[in-house]
Amino acid sequence: MAVPKRKTSRSRRDMRRAHDKLTSPGVILCPNCKEPALPHQVCPKCGMYKGKKYLDVEEL
């Protein structure tokens, strides 16, 4: 069984974990209604994508 010969320092351990952080999703403003939306997705507020209407969205 493999056993470490020396204790791994906090610095070396944390450098190894540097790539494990979470990233927030990219958000764009919809060109039609100016509401935040995910890129390459139909806007949930107005139902538009690339200038075309894809969803009929009811206004509350």
PDB file of N, CA and C in Angstrom:
ATOM      1  N   MET A   1       0.850  -1.179   0.000  1.00  0.00           N
ATOM      2  CA  MET A   1       0.000   0.000   0.000  1.00  0.00           C
ATOM      3  C   MET A   1       0.892   1.237   0.000  1.00  0.00           C
ATOM      4  N   ALA A   2       0.549   2.215  -0.822  1.00  0.00           N
ATOM      5  CA  ALA A   2       1.361   3.428  -0.930  1.00  0.00           C
ATOM      6  C   ALA A   2       1.079   4.354   0.250  1.00  0.00           C
ATOM      7  N   VAL A   3       2.146   4.769   0.900  1.00  0.00           N
ATOM      8  CA  VAL A   3       2.037   5.672   2.047  1.00  0.00           C
ATOM      9  C   VAL A   3       2.975   6.843   1.809  1.00  0.00           C
ATOM     10  N   PRO A   4       2.514   8.094   2.000  1.00  0.00           N
ATOM     11  CA  PRO A   4       3.401   9.229   1.773  1.00  0.00           C
ATOM     12  C   PRO A   4       4.565   9.234   2.757  1.00  0.00           C
ATOM     13  N   LYS A   5       5.740   9.574   2.262  1.00  0.00           N
ATOM     14  CA  LYS A   5       6.927   9.611   3.103  1.00  0.00           C
ATOM     15  C   LYS A   5       6.957  10.873   3.956  1.00  0.00           C
ATOM     16  N   ARG A   6       6.392  11.986   3.423  1.00  0.00           N
ATOM     17  CA  ARG A   6       6.366  13.258   4.139  1.00  0.00           C
ATOM     18  C   ARG A   6       4.961  13.823   4.121  1.00  0.00           C
ATOM     19  N   LYS A   7       4.666  14.610   5.128  1.00  0.00           N
ATOM     20  CA  LYS A   7       3.356  15.275   5.179  1.00  0.00           C
ATOM     21  C   LYS A   7       3.267  16.312   4.055  1.00  0.00           C
ATOM     22  N   THR A   8       2.132  16.327   3.348  1.00  0.00           N
ATOM     23  CA  THR A   8       1.915  17.320   2.299  1.00  0.00           C
ATOM     24  C   THR A   8       1.579  18.652   2.952  1.00  0.00           C
ATOM     25  N   SER A   9       2.309  19.695   2.585  1.00  0.00           N
ATOM     26  CA  SER A   9       2.095  21.006   3.200  1.00  0.00           C
ATOM     27  C   SER A   9       0.758  21.591   2.745  1.00  0.00           C
ATOM     28  N   ARG A  10       0.253  22.523   3.530  1.00  0.00           N
ATOM     29  CA  ARG A  10      -1.010  23.189   3.179  1.00  0.00           C
ATOM     30  C   ARG A  10      -0.889  23.911   1.845  1.00  0.00           C
ATOM     31  N   SER A  11       0.258  24.503   1.593  1.00  0.00           N
ATOM     32  CA  SER A  11       0.465  25.226   0.345  1.00  0.00           C
ATOM     33  C   SER A  11       0.384  24.288  -0.854  1.00  0.00           C
ATOM     34  N   ARG A  12       1.077  23.172  -0.777  1.00  0.00           N
ATOM     35  CA  ARG A  12       1.084  22.225  -1.895  1.00  0.00           C
ATOM     36  C   ARG A  12      -0.292  21.591  -2.082  1.00  0.00           C
ATOM     37  N   ARG A  13      -0.964  21.295  -0.981  1.00  0.00           N
ATOM     38  CA  ARG A  13      -2.313  20.723  -1.052  1.00  0.00           C
ATOM     39  C   ARG A  13      -3.283  21.701  -1.708  1.00  0.00           C
ATOM     40  N   ASP A  14      -3.213  22.975  -1.309  1.00  0.00           N
ATOM     41  CA  ASP A  14      -4.129  23.978  -1.846  1.00  0.00           C
ATOM     42  C   ASP A  14      -3.813  24.320  -3.299  1.00  0.00           C
ATOM     43  N   MET A  15      -2.537  24.248  -3.689  1.00  0.00           N
ATOM     44  CA  MET A  15      -2.199  24.467  -5.097  1.00  0.00           C
ATOM     45  C   MET A  15      -2.790  23.362  -5.968  1.00  0.00           C
ATOM     46  N   ARG A  16      -2.831  22.156  -5.462  1.00  0.00           N
ATOM     47  CA  ARG A  16      -3.409  21.048  -6.211  1.00  0.00           C
ATOM     48  C   ARG A  16      -4.916  21.235  -6.370  1.00  0.00           C
ATOM     49  N   ARG A  17      -5.558  21.832  -5.395  1.00  0.00           N
ATOM     50  CA  ARG A  17      -7.002  22.049  -5.427  1.00  0.00           C
ATOM     51  C   ARG A  17      -7.406  23.359  -6.097  1.00  0.00           C
ATOM     52  N   ALA A  18      -6.474  24.079  -6.677  1.00  0.00           N
ATOM     53  CA  ALA A  18      -6.759  25.398  -7.239  1.00  0.00           C
ATOM     54  C   ALA A  18      -7.729  25.328  -8.404  1.00  0.00           C
ATOM     55  N   HIS A  19      -7.811  24.196  -9.115  1.00  0.00           N
ATOM     56  CA  HIS A  19      -8.667  24.088 -10.290  1.00  0.00           C
ATOM     57  C   HIS A  19     -10.057  23.558  -9.951  1.00  0.00           C
ATOM     58  N   ASP A  20     -10.336  23.277  -8.686  1.00  0.00           N
ATOM     59  CA  ASP A  20     -11.610  22.678  -8.295  1.00  0.00           C
ATOM     60  C   ASP A  20     -12.690  23.705  -7.980  1.00  0.00           C
ATOM     61  N   LYS A  21     -12.391  24.987  -8.174  1.00  0.00           N
ATOM     62  CA  LYS A  21     -13.358  26.008  -7.791  1.00  0.00           C
ATOM     63  C   LYS A  21     -14.556  26.012  -8.745  1.00  0.00           C
ATOM     64  N   LEU A  22     -15.687  26.481  -8.272  1.00  0.00           N
ATOM     65  CA  LEU A  22     -16.883  26.604  -9.093  1.00  0.00           C
ATOM     66  C   LEU A  22     -16.837  27.908  -9.870  1.00  0.00           C
ATOM     67  N   THR A  23     -17.357  27.890 -11.067  1.00  0.00           N
ATOM     68  CA  THR A  23     -17.425  29.111 -11.861  1.00  0.00           C
ATOM     69  C   THR A  23     -18.889  29.462 -12.080  1.00  0.00           C
ATOM     70  N   SER A  24     -19.181  30.740 -12.107  1.00  0.00           N
ATOM     71  CA  SER A  24     -20.553  31.174 -12.323  1.00  0.00           C
ATOM     72  C   SER A  24     -20.886  31.085 -13.810  1.00  0.00           C
ATOM     73  N   PRO A  25     -22.141  30.799 -14.150  1.00  0.00           N
ATOM     74  CA  PRO A  25     -22.492  30.702 -15.562  1.00  0.00           C
ATOM     75  C   PRO A  25     -22.439  32.069 -16.230  1.00  0.00           C
ATOM     76  N   GLY A  26     -22.044  32.089 -17.495  1.00  0.00           N
ATOM     77  CA  GLY A  26     -22.016  33.332 -18.241  1.00  0.00           C
ATOM     78  C   GLY A  26     -23.427  33.821 -18.503  1.00  0.00           C
ATOM     79  N   VAL A  27     -23.667  35.099 -18.298  1.00  0.00           N
ATOM     80  CA  VAL A  27     -24.995  35.676 -18.485  1.00  0.00           C
ATOM     81  C   VAL A  27     -24.868  36.836 -19.461  1.00  0.00           C
ATOM     82  N   ILE A  28     -25.793  36.898 -20.424  1.00  0.00           N
ATOM     83  CA  ILE A  28     -25.828  38.002 -21.375  1.00  0.00           C
ATOM     84  C   ILE A  28     -27.153  38.735 -21.214  1.00  0.00           C
ATOM     85  N   LEU A  29     -27.253  39.909 -21.792  1.00  0.00           N
ATOM     86  CA  LEU A  29     -28.520  40.627 -21.828  1.00  0.00           C
ATOM     87  C   LEU A  29     -29.218  40.302 -23.141  1.00  0.00           C
ATOM     88  N   CYS A  30     -30.489  39.959 -23.058  1.00  0.00           N
ATOM     89  CA  CYS A  30     -31.271  39.648 -24.250  1.00  0.00           C
ATOM     90  C   CYS A  30     -31.363  40.901 -25.115  1.00  0.00           C
ATOM     91  N   PRO A  31     -31.051  40.790 -26.410  1.00  0.00           N
ATOM     92  CA  PRO A  31     -31.101  41.980 -27.264  1.00  0.00           C
ATOM     93  C   PRO A  31     -32.516  42.515 -27.458  1.00  0.00           C
ATOM     94  N   ASN A  32     -33.529  41.670 -27.220  1.00  0.00           N
ATOM     95  CA  ASN A  32     -34.913  42.094 -27.432  1.00  0.00           C
ATOM     96  C   ASN A  32     -35.493  42.781 -26.199  1.00  0.00           C
ATOM     97  N   CYS A  33     -35.405  42.116 -25.030  1.00  0.00           N
ATOM     98  CA  CYS A  33     -36.068  42.649 -23.822  1.00  0.00           C
ATOM     99  C   CYS A  33     -35.091  43.166 -22.778  1.00  0.00           C
ATOM    100  N   LYS A  34     -33.779  43.032 -23.014  1.00  0.00           N
ATOM    101  CA  LYS A  34     -32.719  43.512 -22.114  1.00  0.00           C
ATOM    102  C   LYS A  34     -32.735  42.837 -20.741  1.00  0.00           C
ATOM    103  N   GLU A  35     -33.299  41.636 -20.669  1.00  0.00           N
ATOM    104  CA  GLU A  35     -33.292  40.870 -19.423  1.00  0.00           C
ATOM    105  C   GLU A  35     -32.114  39.897 -19.452  1.00  0.00           C
ATOM    106  N   PRO A  36     -31.549  39.545 -18.283  1.00  0.00           N
ATOM    107  CA  PRO A  36     -30.451  38.575 -18.267  1.00  0.00           C
ATOM    108  C   PRO A  36     -30.927  37.202 -18.738  1.00  0.00           C
ATOM    109  N   ALA A  37     -30.112  36.536 -19.556  1.00  0.00           N
ATOM    110  CA  ALA A  37     -30.431  35.206 -20.063  1.00  0.00           C
ATOM    111  C   ALA A  37     -29.126  34.458 -20.308  1.00  0.00           C
ATOM    112  N   LEU A  38     -29.223  33.137 -20.395  1.00  0.00           N
ATOM    113  CA  LEU A  38     -28.056  32.321 -20.700  1.00  0.00           C
ATOM    114  C   LEU A  38     -27.759  32.402 -22.193  1.00  0.00           C
ATOM    115  N   PRO A  39     -26.476  32.400 -22.571  1.00  0.00           N
ATOM    116  CA  PRO A  39     -26.144  32.460 -23.991  1.00  0.00           C
ATOM    117  C   PRO A  39     -26.542  31.173 -24.711  1.00  0.00           C
ATOM    118  N   HIS A  40     -26.891  31.288 -25.992  1.00  0.00           N
ATOM    119  CA  HIS A  40     -27.279  30.163 -26.848  1.00  0.00           C
ATOM    120  C   HIS A  40     -28.525  29.466 -26.324  1.00  0.00           C
ATOM    121  N   GLN A  41     -29.395  30.198 -25.638  1.00  0.00           N
ATOM    122  CA  GLN A  41     -30.647  29.654 -25.119  1.00  0.00           C
ATOM    123  C   GLN A  41     -31.774  30.617 -25.478  1.00  0.00           C
ATOM    124  N   VAL A  42     -32.997  30.102 -25.557  1.00  0.00           N
ATOM    125  CA  VAL A  42     -34.159  30.958 -25.768  1.00  0.00           C
ATOM    126  C   VAL A  42     -34.362  31.782 -24.504  1.00  0.00           C
ATOM    127  N   CYS A  43     -34.634  33.081 -24.674  1.00  0.00           N
ATOM    128  CA  CYS A  43     -34.849  33.962 -23.522  1.00  0.00           C
ATOM    129  C   CYS A  43     -36.123  33.540 -22.792  1.00  0.00           C
ATOM    130  N   PRO A  44     -36.062  33.283 -21.475  1.00  0.00           N
ATOM    131  CA  PRO A  44     -37.263  32.856 -20.756  1.00  0.00           C
ATOM    132  C   PRO A  44     -38.291  33.974 -20.576  1.00  0.00           C
ATOM    133  N   LYS A  45     -37.890  35.221 -20.719  1.00  0.00           N
ATOM    134  CA  LYS A  45     -38.809  36.338 -20.516  1.00  0.00           C
ATOM    135  C   LYS A  45     -39.622  36.659 -21.762  1.00  0.00           C
ATOM    136  N   CYS A  46     -38.974  36.666 -22.943  1.00  0.00           N
ATOM    137  CA  CYS A  46     -39.687  37.069 -24.163  1.00  0.00           C
ATOM    138  C   CYS A  46     -39.817  35.938 -25.178  1.00  0.00           C
ATOM    139  N   GLY A  47     -39.067  34.843 -25.040  1.00  0.00           N
ATOM    140  CA  GLY A  47     -39.179  33.713 -25.947  1.00  0.00           C
ATOM    141  C   GLY A  47     -38.453  33.890 -27.266  1.00  0.00           C
ATOM    142  N   MET A  48     -37.544  34.866 -27.360  1.00  0.00           N
ATOM    143  CA  MET A  48     -36.831  35.138 -28.610  1.00  0.00           C
ATOM    144  C   MET A  48     -35.437  34.509 -28.576  1.00  0.00           C
ATOM    145  N   TYR A  49     -34.957  34.110 -29.777  1.00  0.00           N
ATOM    146  CA  TYR A  49     -33.581  33.641 -29.938  1.00  0.00           C
ATOM    147  C   TYR A  49     -33.141  33.995 -31.343  1.00  0.00           C
ATOM    148  N   LYS A  50     -32.051  34.729 -31.453  1.00  0.00           N
ATOM    149  CA  LYS A  50     -31.494  35.181 -32.727  1.00  0.00           C
ATOM    150  C   LYS A  50     -32.535  35.885 -33.591  1.00  0.00           C
ATOM    151  N   GLY A  51     -33.361  36.713 -32.970  1.00  0.00           N
ATOM    152  CA  GLY A  51     -34.323  37.521 -33.707  1.00  0.00           C
ATOM    153  C   GLY A  51     -35.603  36.812 -34.096  1.00  0.00           C
ATOM    154  N   LYS A  52     -35.770  35.548 -33.702  1.00  0.00           N
ATOM    155  CA  LYS A  52     -36.986  34.806 -34.024  1.00  0.00           C
ATOM    156  C   LYS A  52     -37.735  34.456 -32.746  1.00  0.00           C
ATOM    157  N   LYS A  53     -39.049  34.422 -32.826  1.00  0.00           N
ATOM    158  CA  LYS A  53     -39.897  34.054 -31.691  1.00  0.00           C
ATOM    159  C   LYS A  53     -40.025  32.537 -31.668  1.00  0.00           C
ATOM    160  N   TYR A  54     -39.592  31.904 -30.577  1.00  0.00           N
ATOM    161  CA  TYR A  54     -39.653  30.454 -30.455  1.00  0.00           C
ATOM    162  C   TYR A  54     -40.655  30.006 -29.406  1.00  0.00           C
ATOM    163  N   LEU A  55     -40.922  30.825 -28.404  1.00  0.00           N
ATOM    164  CA  LEU A  55     -41.849  30.464 -27.331  1.00  0.00           C
ATOM    165  C   LEU A  55     -42.908  31.530 -27.168  1.00  0.00           C
ATOM    166  N   ASP A  56     -44.117  31.096 -26.880  1.00  0.00           N
ATOM    167  CA  ASP A  56     -45.150  32.042 -26.486  1.00  0.00           C
ATOM    168  C   ASP A  56     -45.111  32.147 -24.970  1.00  0.00           C
ATOM    169  N   VAL A  57     -44.700  33.286 -24.452  1.00  0.00           N
ATOM    170  CA  VAL A  57     -44.537  33.489 -23.015  1.00  0.00           C
ATOM    171  C   VAL A  57     -45.679  34.371 -22.547  1.00  0.00           C
ATOM    172  N   GLU A  58     -46.402  33.913 -21.513  1.00  0.00           N
ATOM    173  CA  GLU A  58     -47.492  34.694 -20.941  1.00  0.00           C
ATOM    174  C   GLU A  58     -46.924  35.733 -19.986  1.00  0.00           C
ATOM    175  N   GLU A  59     -47.418  36.941 -20.089  1.00  0.00           N
ATOM    176  CA  GLU A  59     -47.010  38.004 -19.172  1.00  0.00           C
ATOM    177  C   GLU A  59     -47.886  37.929 -17.925  1.00  0.00           C
ATOM    178  N   LEU A  60     -47.287  38.017 -16.768  1.00  0.00           N
ATOM    179  CA  LEU A  60     -48.051  37.978 -15.501  1.00  0.00           C
ATOM    180  C   LEU A  60     -48.484  39.351 -15.093  1.00  0.00           C
TER     181      LEU A  60
END
